[in-house]
Amino acid sequence: MDGEPRWVHPDVTATRVPHIRANGRRVRRDQIDVPDSFGEGVLCLIDRNGSFPSACSAVPLAPNKLLHTGPLDAYDKTQAGIYLIDIPEWPRTDMPHPLGRIADRPDEDGRAWVTTPHIKQLVKLVRDNHLDAMPTIHDSFTGKANESLFKPFYEATRRARSELVQIGGDPYKAYKTRLSIALRLLWPKRPSQRSPFWRPDWRMSMVAEASVRHWTVAFKAVQEGHTLIALRNVDQAIFWTPPGTPPSTYRIGTGFGEVKAKFVQAGETILEGDD
């Protein structure tokens, strides 16, 4: 239910190639080739900072137990949880499906479970005439919505990052590791891992909120005329742009939600990904 996008433009070729880092670690990288029909330009690699903790600033969650609320005539914005919906058609080829990988994994009836951030996203897309109609909600488990439950956590991690990013080195690495562990404790990968919480719906909602924000900013850039080449996970986007001109929809900086931008030539493109 995370809805992370792993999309490459259908007219672009992405090839996985092996690479050995300076520390000897073996990884796979994506080499991207852009056809001449895209015109002159370079690849602009966008890397968002702190996508997951940033999403905690206003992720809609149900703090208490989810109740089985069944089929719904419409989305109730006072509630949050998980919803079984039909996957809507997305005819555009210049943007990935707004539900990301969820759209690639429907059940035998063409339905999928989604969390509140994606339901809210679909509502906005219908309102703005990018989708014809809101999909039917066939089943649901919901509770009273709260968008500030994780805000204290967000504020604390933002303050810590602003201090430690300047220091760098081991303190910053330790911060990133502990931050990842804290968020993963909502839904540990190993059943044997001890955790004071067990809320997969919170974990999936948080990742979904980050995915929705990632997709939305990229979509705004496409609407302004930029060419999106690839959209990866919740922090990487690649555009085909004139040199030195990142899309204005992104804020350059080191803070949460801000981005780093790097320009490279097509054919030299490399996006790191662990084996």
C-alpha atoms as a PDB file:
ATOM      1  CA  MET A   1       0.000   0.000   0.000  1.00  0.00           C
ATOM      2  CA  ASP A   2       3.005   2.336  -0.064  1.00  0.00           C
ATOM      3  CA  GLY A   3       2.434   3.432  -3.672  1.00  0.00           C
ATOM      4  CA  GLU A   4       6.116   4.165  -4.292  1.00  0.00           C
ATOM      5  CA  PRO A   5       6.728   4.916  -7.978  1.00  0.00           C
ATOM      6  CA  ARG A   6       9.365   3.017  -9.927  1.00  0.00           C
ATOM      7  CA  TRP A   7       8.718   4.483 -13.332  1.00  0.00           C
ATOM      8  CA  VAL A   8      10.740   5.248 -16.457  1.00  0.00           C
ATOM      9  CA  HIS A   9       9.336   7.178 -19.431  1.00  0.00           C
ATOM     10  CA  PRO A  10       8.117   4.651 -22.054  1.00  0.00           C
ATOM     11  CA  ASP A  11      10.279   6.261 -24.784  1.00  0.00           C
ATOM     12  CA  VAL A  12      13.461   6.150 -22.687  1.00  0.00           C
ATOM     13  CA  THR A  13      15.830   3.187 -22.288  1.00  0.00           C
ATOM     14  CA  ALA A  14      17.157   2.376 -18.817  1.00  0.00           C
ATOM     15  CA  THR A  15      19.785  -0.333 -18.474  1.00  0.00           C
ATOM     16  CA  ARG A  16      21.038  -1.819 -15.224  1.00  0.00           C
ATOM     17  CA  VAL A  17      24.836  -1.937 -15.172  1.00  0.00           C
ATOM     18  CA  PRO A  18      27.214  -3.300 -12.498  1.00  0.00           C
ATOM     19  CA  HIS A  19      29.509  -0.944 -10.591  1.00  0.00           C
ATOM     20  CA  ILE A  20      31.992  -1.219  -7.726  1.00  0.00           C
ATOM     21  CA  ARG A  21      32.110   1.719  -5.328  1.00  0.00           C
ATOM     22  CA  ALA A  22      35.322   3.156  -3.920  1.00  0.00           C
ATOM     23  CA  ASN A  23      34.705   1.192  -0.697  1.00  0.00           C
ATOM     24  CA  GLY A  24      34.542  -2.050  -2.694  1.00  0.00           C
ATOM     25  CA  ARG A  25      30.799  -2.515  -2.391  1.00  0.00           C
ATOM     26  CA  ARG A  26      29.123  -3.988  -5.466  1.00  0.00           C
ATOM     27  CA  VAL A  27      26.024  -2.110  -6.642  1.00  0.00           C
ATOM     28  CA  ARG A  28      23.794  -1.819  -9.695  1.00  0.00           C
ATOM     29  CA  ARG A  29      23.327   1.484 -11.476  1.00  0.00           C
ATOM     30  CA  ASP A  30      20.867   2.684 -14.084  1.00  0.00           C
ATOM     31  CA  GLN A  31      22.262   4.036 -17.336  1.00  0.00           C
ATOM     32  CA  ILE A  32      19.600   6.074 -19.103  1.00  0.00           C
ATOM     33  CA  ASP A  33      19.575   6.785 -22.833  1.00  0.00           C
ATOM     34  CA  VAL A  34      17.292   9.556 -24.086  1.00  0.00           C
ATOM     35  CA  PRO A  35      16.182   9.493 -27.759  1.00  0.00           C
ATOM     36  CA  ASP A  36      17.037  12.402 -30.091  1.00  0.00           C
ATOM     37  CA  SER A  37      13.319  13.185 -30.379  1.00  0.00           C
ATOM     38  CA  PHE A  38      13.495  14.757 -26.894  1.00  0.00           C
ATOM     39  CA  GLY A  39      15.670  17.569 -28.308  1.00  0.00           C
ATOM     40  CA  GLU A  40      18.692  19.235 -26.724  1.00  0.00           C
ATOM     41  CA  GLY A  41      19.147  18.932 -23.011  1.00  0.00           C
ATOM     42  CA  VAL A  42      20.772  17.222 -20.052  1.00  0.00           C
ATOM     43  CA  LEU A  43      19.492  14.989 -17.297  1.00  0.00           C
ATOM     44  CA  CYS A  44      18.565  16.815 -14.105  1.00  0.00           C
ATOM     45  CA  LEU A  45      18.700  14.444 -11.128  1.00  0.00           C
ATOM     46  CA  ILE A  46      16.512  15.551  -8.221  1.00  0.00           C
ATOM     47  CA  ASP A  47      17.180  14.058  -4.784  1.00  0.00           C
ATOM     48  CA  ARG A  48      14.713  14.987  -2.017  1.00  0.00           C
ATOM     49  CA  ASN A  49      15.919  15.325   1.584  1.00  0.00           C
ATOM     50  CA  GLY A  50      14.193  13.503   4.428  1.00  0.00           C
ATOM     51  CA  SER A  51      11.149  12.342   2.481  1.00  0.00           C
ATOM     52  CA  PHE A  52       9.820  10.042   5.222  1.00  0.00           C
ATOM     53  CA  PRO A  53      10.232  12.310   8.286  1.00  0.00           C
ATOM     54  CA  SER A  54       8.982  15.245   6.203  1.00  0.00           C
ATOM     55  CA  ALA A  55       5.814  13.274   5.453  1.00  0.00           C
ATOM     56  CA  CYS A  56       5.281  12.902   9.215  1.00  0.00           C
ATOM     57  CA  SER A  57       4.505  16.633   9.435  1.00  0.00           C
ATOM     58  CA  ALA A  58       0.896  16.087   8.329  1.00  0.00           C
ATOM     59  CA  VAL A  59       0.223  12.438   7.527  1.00  0.00           C
ATOM     60  CA  PRO A  60      -3.462  11.492   8.100  1.00  0.00           C
ATOM     61  CA  LEU A  61      -3.707   8.601  10.560  1.00  0.00           C
ATOM     62  CA  ALA A  62      -6.266   6.962  12.816  1.00  0.00           C
ATOM     63  CA  PRO A  63      -4.611   7.042  16.284  1.00  0.00           C
ATOM     64  CA  ASN A  64      -6.915   4.410  17.772  1.00  0.00           C
ATOM     65  CA  LYS A  65      -8.066   0.997  16.623  1.00  0.00           C
ATOM     66  CA  LEU A  66      -9.337   0.738  13.058  1.00  0.00           C
ATOM     67  CA  LEU A  67     -12.968  -0.323  12.806  1.00  0.00           C
ATOM     68  CA  HIS A  68     -14.481  -2.219   9.906  1.00  0.00           C
ATOM     69  CA  THR A  69     -16.551   0.430   8.138  1.00  0.00           C
ATOM     70  CA  GLY A  70     -17.204  -1.627   4.988  1.00  0.00           C
ATOM     71  CA  PRO A  71     -18.256  -0.165   1.618  1.00  0.00           C
ATOM     72  CA  LEU A  72     -18.523   3.618   1.519  1.00  0.00           C
ATOM     73  CA  ASP A  73     -20.557   5.851  -0.771  1.00  0.00           C
ATOM     74  CA  ALA A  74     -17.818   8.497  -0.591  1.00  0.00           C
ATOM     75  CA  TYR A  75     -14.591   9.305   1.218  1.00  0.00           C
ATOM     76  CA  ASP A  76     -15.180  10.947   4.586  1.00  0.00           C
ATOM     77  CA  LYS A  77     -12.344  13.398   5.308  1.00  0.00           C
ATOM     78  CA  THR A  78     -12.940  13.084   9.057  1.00  0.00           C
ATOM     79  CA  GLN A  79     -11.809   9.434   8.868  1.00  0.00           C
ATOM     80  CA  ALA A  80      -8.488   7.759   8.041  1.00  0.00           C
ATOM     81  CA  GLY A  81      -7.407   4.178   7.477  1.00  0.00           C
ATOM     82  CA  ILE A  82      -7.297   1.738   4.580  1.00  0.00           C
ATOM     83  CA  TYR A  83      -9.681   1.375   1.636  1.00  0.00           C
ATOM     84  CA  LEU A  84     -10.324  -1.259  -1.032  1.00  0.00           C
ATOM     85  CA  ILE A  85     -10.903   0.555  -4.331  1.00  0.00           C
ATOM     86  CA  ASP A  86     -11.035  -0.010  -8.062  1.00  0.00           C
ATOM     87  CA  ILE A  87      -7.789   1.091  -9.702  1.00  0.00           C
ATOM     88  CA  PRO A  88      -8.678   4.100 -11.870  1.00  0.00           C
ATOM     89  CA  GLU A  89      -7.536   4.404 -15.482  1.00  0.00           C
ATOM     90  CA  TRP A  90      -4.587   6.752 -16.003  1.00  0.00           C
ATOM     91  CA  PRO A  91      -4.227   7.560 -19.727  1.00  0.00           C
ATOM     92  CA  ARG A  92      -1.171   9.846 -19.516  1.00  0.00           C
ATOM     93  CA  THR A  93       2.212   8.516 -20.647  1.00  0.00           C
ATOM     94  CA  ASP A  94       4.270  11.495 -19.405  1.00  0.00           C
ATOM     95  CA  MET A  95       3.608  10.662 -15.733  1.00  0.00           C
ATOM     96  CA  PRO A  96       3.379   7.396 -13.804  1.00  0.00           C
ATOM     97  CA  HIS A  97       0.070   6.254 -12.370  1.00  0.00           C
ATOM     98  CA  PRO A  98      -0.773   8.322  -9.253  1.00  0.00           C
ATOM     99  CA  LEU A  99      -1.040   5.103  -7.224  1.00  0.00           C
ATOM    100  CA  GLY A 100       2.500   4.090  -8.170  1.00  0.00           C
ATOM    101  CA  ARG A 101       3.236   0.371  -7.874  1.00  0.00           C
ATOM    102  CA  ILE A 102      -0.188  -0.224  -6.321  1.00  0.00           C
ATOM    103  CA  ALA A 103      -1.630   0.066  -9.839  1.00  0.00           C
ATOM    104  CA  ASP A 104       0.625  -2.788 -10.997  1.00  0.00           C
ATOM    105  CA  ARG A 105      -0.635  -5.216  -8.365  1.00  0.00           C
ATOM    106  CA  PRO A 106      -4.446  -5.421  -8.504  1.00  0.00           C
ATOM    107  CA  ASP A 107      -6.385  -8.424  -7.271  1.00  0.00           C
ATOM    108  CA  GLU A 108      -8.436 -10.622  -9.593  1.00  0.00           C
ATOM    109  CA  ASP A 109     -11.221  -8.020  -9.576  1.00  0.00           C
ATOM    110  CA  GLY A 110      -8.935  -5.113 -10.501  1.00  0.00           C
ATOM    111  CA  ARG A 111      -8.989  -3.709  -6.957  1.00  0.00           C
ATOM    112  CA  ALA A 112      -6.307  -2.750  -4.435  1.00  0.00           C
ATOM    113  CA  TRP A 113      -5.993  -1.568  -0.850  1.00  0.00           C
ATOM    114  CA  VAL A 114      -4.790   2.006  -0.400  1.00  0.00           C
ATOM    115  CA  THR A 115      -4.267   4.309   2.574  1.00  0.00           C
ATOM    116  CA  THR A 116      -5.751   7.750   3.212  1.00  0.00           C
ATOM    117  CA  PRO A 117      -2.993   9.802   1.498  1.00  0.00           C
ATOM    118  CA  HIS A 118      -3.747   8.143  -1.831  1.00  0.00           C
ATOM    119  CA  ILE A 119      -7.506   8.498  -1.371  1.00  0.00           C
ATOM    120  CA  LYS A 120      -7.016  12.237  -0.769  1.00  0.00           C
ATOM    121  CA  GLN A 121      -4.774  12.429  -3.831  1.00  0.00           C
ATOM    122  CA  LEU A 122      -7.440  10.802  -6.034  1.00  0.00           C
ATOM    123  CA  VAL A 123     -10.058  13.227  -4.711  1.00  0.00           C
ATOM    124  CA  LYS A 124      -7.860  16.170  -5.788  1.00  0.00           C
ATOM    125  CA  LEU A 125      -7.196  14.656  -9.216  1.00  0.00           C
ATOM    126  CA  VAL A 126     -10.935  14.223  -9.797  1.00  0.00           C
ATOM    127  CA  ARG A 127     -11.597  17.777  -8.607  1.00  0.00           C
ATOM    128  CA  ASP A 128      -8.956  19.108 -11.032  1.00  0.00           C
ATOM    129  CA  ASN A 129     -10.344  17.011 -13.924  1.00  0.00           C
ATOM    130  CA  HIS A 130      -7.304  14.747 -14.241  1.00  0.00           C
ATOM    131  CA  LEU A 131      -9.499  11.732 -13.429  1.00  0.00           C
ATOM    132  CA  ASP A 132     -13.059  11.215 -14.639  1.00  0.00           C
ATOM    133  CA  ALA A 133     -14.504   9.955 -11.373  1.00  0.00           C
ATOM    134  CA  MET A 134     -13.604   8.798  -7.901  1.00  0.00           C
ATOM    135  CA  PRO A 135     -13.222   4.990  -7.779  1.00  0.00           C
ATOM    136  CA  THR A 136     -15.733   2.973  -5.777  1.00  0.00           C
ATOM    137  CA  ILE A 137     -14.764   2.149  -2.180  1.00  0.00           C
ATOM    138  CA  HIS A 138     -15.688  -1.536  -1.822  1.00  0.00           C
ATOM    139  CA  ASP A 139     -14.440  -2.025   1.743  1.00  0.00           C
ATOM    140  CA  SER A 140     -12.710  -0.040   4.476  1.00  0.00           C
ATOM    141  CA  PHE A 141     -11.198  -0.091   7.954  1.00  0.00           C
ATOM    142  CA  THR A 142     -11.118   3.421   9.401  1.00  0.00           C
ATOM    143  CA  GLY A 143     -10.997   5.575  12.521  1.00  0.00           C
ATOM    144  CA  LYS A 144     -11.143   9.258  13.402  1.00  0.00           C
ATOM    145  CA  ALA A 145      -8.460  11.108  11.415  1.00  0.00           C
ATOM    146  CA  ASN A 146      -5.553  12.951  13.009  1.00  0.00           C
ATOM    147  CA  GLU A 147      -2.920  14.749  10.918  1.00  0.00           C
ATOM    148  CA  SER A 148      -0.728  15.951  13.796  1.00  0.00           C
ATOM    149  CA  LEU A 149       0.021  12.660  15.561  1.00  0.00           C
ATOM    150  CA  PHE A 150       3.602  12.532  14.262  1.00  0.00           C
ATOM    151  CA  LYS A 151       4.221  16.276  14.140  1.00  0.00           C
ATOM    152  CA  PRO A 152       6.299  16.342  17.386  1.00  0.00           C
ATOM    153  CA  PHE A 153       8.467  13.582  15.907  1.00  0.00           C
ATOM    154  CA  TYR A 154       8.832  15.584  12.697  1.00  0.00           C
ATOM    155  CA  GLU A 155       9.809  18.746  14.590  1.00  0.00           C
ATOM    156  CA  ALA A 156      12.404  16.903  16.700  1.00  0.00           C
ATOM    157  CA  THR A 157      14.013  15.160  13.712  1.00  0.00           C
ATOM    158  CA  ARG A 158      14.056  18.383  11.713  1.00  0.00           C
ATOM    159  CA  ARG A 159      15.907  20.210  14.500  1.00  0.00           C
ATOM    160  CA  ALA A 160      18.369  17.347  14.894  1.00  0.00           C
ATOM    161  CA  ARG A 161      19.039  17.223  11.167  1.00  0.00           C
ATOM    162  CA  SER A 162      19.640  20.958  10.870  1.00  0.00           C
ATOM    163  CA  GLU A 163      22.355  20.634  13.535  1.00  0.00           C
ATOM    164  CA  LEU A 164      23.948  17.352  12.467  1.00  0.00           C
ATOM    165  CA  VAL A 165      23.961  17.926   8.690  1.00  0.00           C
ATOM    166  CA  GLN A 166      26.489  20.712   9.315  1.00  0.00           C
ATOM    167  CA  ILE A 167      28.662  18.426  11.446  1.00  0.00           C
ATOM    168  CA  GLY A 168      28.481  15.444   9.080  1.00  0.00           C
ATOM    169  CA  GLY A 169      30.573  12.317   9.661  1.00  0.00           C
ATOM    170  CA  ASP A 170      29.600   9.644  12.191  1.00  0.00           C
ATOM    171  CA  PRO A 171      27.096  11.773  14.168  1.00  0.00           C
ATOM    172  CA  TYR A 172      25.042  12.420  11.037  1.00  0.00           C
ATOM    173  CA  LYS A 173      25.275   8.768   9.958  1.00  0.00           C
ATOM    174  CA  ALA A 174      24.103   7.666  13.409  1.00  0.00           C
ATOM    175  CA  TYR A 175      21.177  10.108  13.207  1.00  0.00           C
ATOM    176  CA  LYS A 176      20.068   8.693   9.838  1.00  0.00           C
ATOM    177  CA  THR A 177      20.363   5.115  11.083  1.00  0.00           C
ATOM    178  CA  ARG A 178      18.355   5.740  14.247  1.00  0.00           C
ATOM    179  CA  LEU A 179      15.737   7.698  12.334  1.00  0.00           C
ATOM    180  CA  SER A 180      15.268   4.772   9.947  1.00  0.00           C
ATOM    181  CA  ILE A 181      15.010   2.326  12.857  1.00  0.00           C
ATOM    182  CA  ALA A 182      12.421   4.498  14.642  1.00  0.00           C
ATOM    183  CA  LEU A 183      10.170   4.632  11.580  1.00  0.00           C
ATOM    184  CA  ARG A 184      10.613   0.927  10.822  1.00  0.00           C
ATOM    185  CA  LEU A 185       9.511  -0.017  14.357  1.00  0.00           C
ATOM    186  CA  LEU A 186       5.941   0.750  13.283  1.00  0.00           C
ATOM    187  CA  TRP A 187       6.164  -2.392  11.149  1.00  0.00           C
ATOM    188  CA  PRO A 188       9.344  -4.407  11.752  1.00  0.00           C
ATOM    189  CA  LYS A 189      10.651  -6.477   8.848  1.00  0.00           C
ATOM    190  CA  ARG A 190      11.339  -9.450  11.127  1.00  0.00           C
ATOM    191  CA  PRO A 191       8.510 -10.891  13.254  1.00  0.00           C
ATOM    192  CA  SER A 192      11.030 -11.525  16.033  1.00  0.00           C
ATOM    193  CA  GLN A 193      12.028  -7.843  16.269  1.00  0.00           C
ATOM    194  CA  ARG A 194      10.685  -6.277  19.444  1.00  0.00           C
ATOM    195  CA  SER A 195       8.674  -3.072  19.106  1.00  0.00           C
ATOM    196  CA  PRO A 196       6.447  -1.024  21.411  1.00  0.00           C
ATOM    197  CA  PHE A 197       4.165  -0.424  18.440  1.00  0.00           C
ATOM    198  CA  TRP A 198       2.742  -2.550  15.671  1.00  0.00           C
ATOM    199  CA  ARG A 199       0.877  -0.308  13.258  1.00  0.00           C
ATOM    200  CA  PRO A 200       1.411  -1.327   9.634  1.00  0.00           C
ATOM    201  CA  ASP A 201      -1.330   1.136   8.655  1.00  0.00           C
ATOM    202  CA  TRP A 202       0.716   4.000  10.133  1.00  0.00           C
ATOM    203  CA  ARG A 203       3.884   2.839   8.394  1.00  0.00           C
ATOM    204  CA  MET A 204       2.159   2.445   5.020  1.00  0.00           C
ATOM    205  CA  SER A 205       0.349   5.765   5.399  1.00  0.00           C
ATOM    206  CA  MET A 206       3.624   7.539   6.112  1.00  0.00           C
ATOM    207  CA  VAL A 207       5.334   6.056   3.039  1.00  0.00           C
ATOM    208  CA  ALA A 208       2.222   6.735   0.965  1.00  0.00           C
ATOM    209  CA  GLU A 209       2.197  10.385   2.095  1.00  0.00           C
ATOM    210  CA  ALA A 210       5.839  10.717   1.016  1.00  0.00           C
ATOM    211  CA  SER A 211       5.025   9.038  -2.319  1.00  0.00           C
ATOM    212  CA  VAL A 212       2.067  11.352  -2.930  1.00  0.00           C
ATOM    213  CA  ARG A 213       4.148  14.459  -2.214  1.00  0.00           C
ATOM    214  CA  HIS A 214       6.922  13.171  -4.492  1.00  0.00           C
ATOM    215  CA  TRP A 215       4.454  12.478  -7.321  1.00  0.00           C
ATOM    216  CA  THR A 216       2.585  15.770  -6.893  1.00  0.00           C
ATOM    217  CA  VAL A 217       5.663  17.999  -7.158  1.00  0.00           C
ATOM    218  CA  ALA A 218       6.828  16.097 -10.256  1.00  0.00           C
ATOM    219  CA  PHE A 219       3.359  16.441 -11.799  1.00  0.00           C
ATOM    220  CA  LYS A 220       3.405  20.203 -11.248  1.00  0.00           C
ATOM    221  CA  ALA A 221       6.749  20.367 -13.057  1.00  0.00           C
ATOM    222  CA  VAL A 222       5.348  18.360 -15.979  1.00  0.00           C
ATOM    223  CA  GLN A 223       2.336  20.680 -16.141  1.00  0.00           C
ATOM    224  CA  GLU A 224       4.777  23.611 -16.398  1.00  0.00           C
ATOM    225  CA  GLY A 225       6.326  22.005 -19.475  1.00  0.00           C
ATOM    226  CA  HIS A 226       9.219  19.977 -18.065  1.00  0.00           C
ATOM    227  CA  THR A 227       9.891  16.462 -19.347  1.00  0.00           C
ATOM    228  CA  LEU A 228       9.961  13.784 -16.658  1.00  0.00           C
ATOM    229  CA  ILE A 229      12.300  10.914 -17.518  1.00  0.00           C
ATOM    230  CA  ALA A 230      11.977   8.787 -14.375  1.00  0.00           C
ATOM    231  CA  LEU A 231      10.371   8.818 -10.932  1.00  0.00           C
ATOM    232  CA  ARG A 232      11.926   6.529  -8.336  1.00  0.00           C
ATOM    233  CA  ASN A 233      10.824   5.540  -4.829  1.00  0.00           C
ATOM    234  CA  VAL A 234      10.063   8.661  -2.794  1.00  0.00           C
ATOM    235  CA  ASP A 235      13.139  10.805  -3.254  1.00  0.00           C
ATOM    236  CA  GLN A 236      14.494  10.605  -6.829  1.00  0.00           C
ATOM    237  CA  ALA A 237      13.184  12.273  -9.969  1.00  0.00           C
ATOM    238  CA  ILE A 238      14.939  12.775 -13.298  1.00  0.00           C
ATOM    239  CA  PHE A 239      14.007  15.486 -15.795  1.00  0.00           C
ATOM    240  CA  TRP A 240      15.280  16.329 -19.289  1.00  0.00           C
ATOM    241  CA  THR A 241      16.050  20.053 -19.153  1.00  0.00           C
ATOM    242  CA  PRO A 242      18.332  22.756 -20.553  1.00  0.00           C
ATOM    243  CA  PRO A 243      21.607  22.826 -18.554  1.00  0.00           C
ATOM    244  CA  GLY A 244      21.326  24.486 -15.147  1.00  0.00           C
ATOM    245  CA  THR A 245      17.544  24.807 -15.118  1.00  0.00           C
ATOM    246  CA  PRO A 246      15.882  22.543 -12.524  1.00  0.00           C
ATOM    247  CA  PRO A 247      12.062  22.749 -12.406  1.00  0.00           C
ATOM    248  CA  SER A 248      10.888  25.670 -10.289  1.00  0.00           C
ATOM    249  CA  THR A 249       8.442  23.444  -8.424  1.00  0.00           C
ATOM    250  CA  TYR A 250      11.373  22.153  -6.338  1.00  0.00           C
ATOM    251  CA  ARG A 251      13.104  24.106  -3.561  1.00  0.00           C
ATOM    252  CA  ILE A 252      16.885  23.729  -3.584  1.00  0.00           C
ATOM    253  CA  GLY A 253      18.382  23.328  -0.114  1.00  0.00           C
ATOM    254  CA  THR A 254      19.366  20.957   2.691  1.00  0.00           C
ATOM    255  CA  GLY A 255      16.118  21.038   4.703  1.00  0.00           C
ATOM    256  CA  PHE A 256      13.354  18.454   4.829  1.00  0.00           C
ATOM    257  CA  GLY A 257      11.422  18.381   1.555  1.00  0.00           C
ATOM    258  CA  GLU A 258      14.079  20.431  -0.234  1.00  0.00           C
ATOM    259  CA  VAL A 259      16.238  18.914  -2.945  1.00  0.00           C
ATOM    260  CA  LYS A 260      19.709  18.525  -4.341  1.00  0.00           C
ATOM    261  CA  ALA A 261      20.004  18.869  -8.123  1.00  0.00           C
ATOM    262  CA  LYS A 262      22.736  17.397 -10.326  1.00  0.00           C
ATOM    263  CA  PHE A 263      23.109  17.696 -14.099  1.00  0.00           C
ATOM    264  CA  VAL A 264      24.657  14.935 -16.234  1.00  0.00           C
ATOM    265  CA  GLN A 265      24.768  14.024 -19.912  1.00  0.00           C
ATOM    266  CA  ALA A 266      22.517  11.310 -21.283  1.00  0.00           C
ATOM    267  CA  GLY A 267      24.290   7.993 -21.599  1.00  0.00           C
ATOM    268  CA  GLU A 268      26.474   8.867 -18.584  1.00  0.00           C
ATOM    269  CA  THR A 269      23.531   8.780 -16.235  1.00  0.00           C
ATOM    270  CA  ILE A 270      23.964   6.805 -13.145  1.00  0.00           C
ATOM    271  CA  LEU A 271      21.495   6.332 -10.311  1.00  0.00           C
ATOM    272  CA  GLU A 272      22.861   4.171  -7.588  1.00  0.00           C
ATOM    273  CA  GLY A 273      20.926   1.251  -6.203  1.00  0.00           C
ATOM    274  CA  ASP A 274      22.183  -1.548  -4.001  1.00  0.00           C
ATOM    275  CA  ASP A 275      22.226  -5.089  -5.318  1.00  0.00           C
END
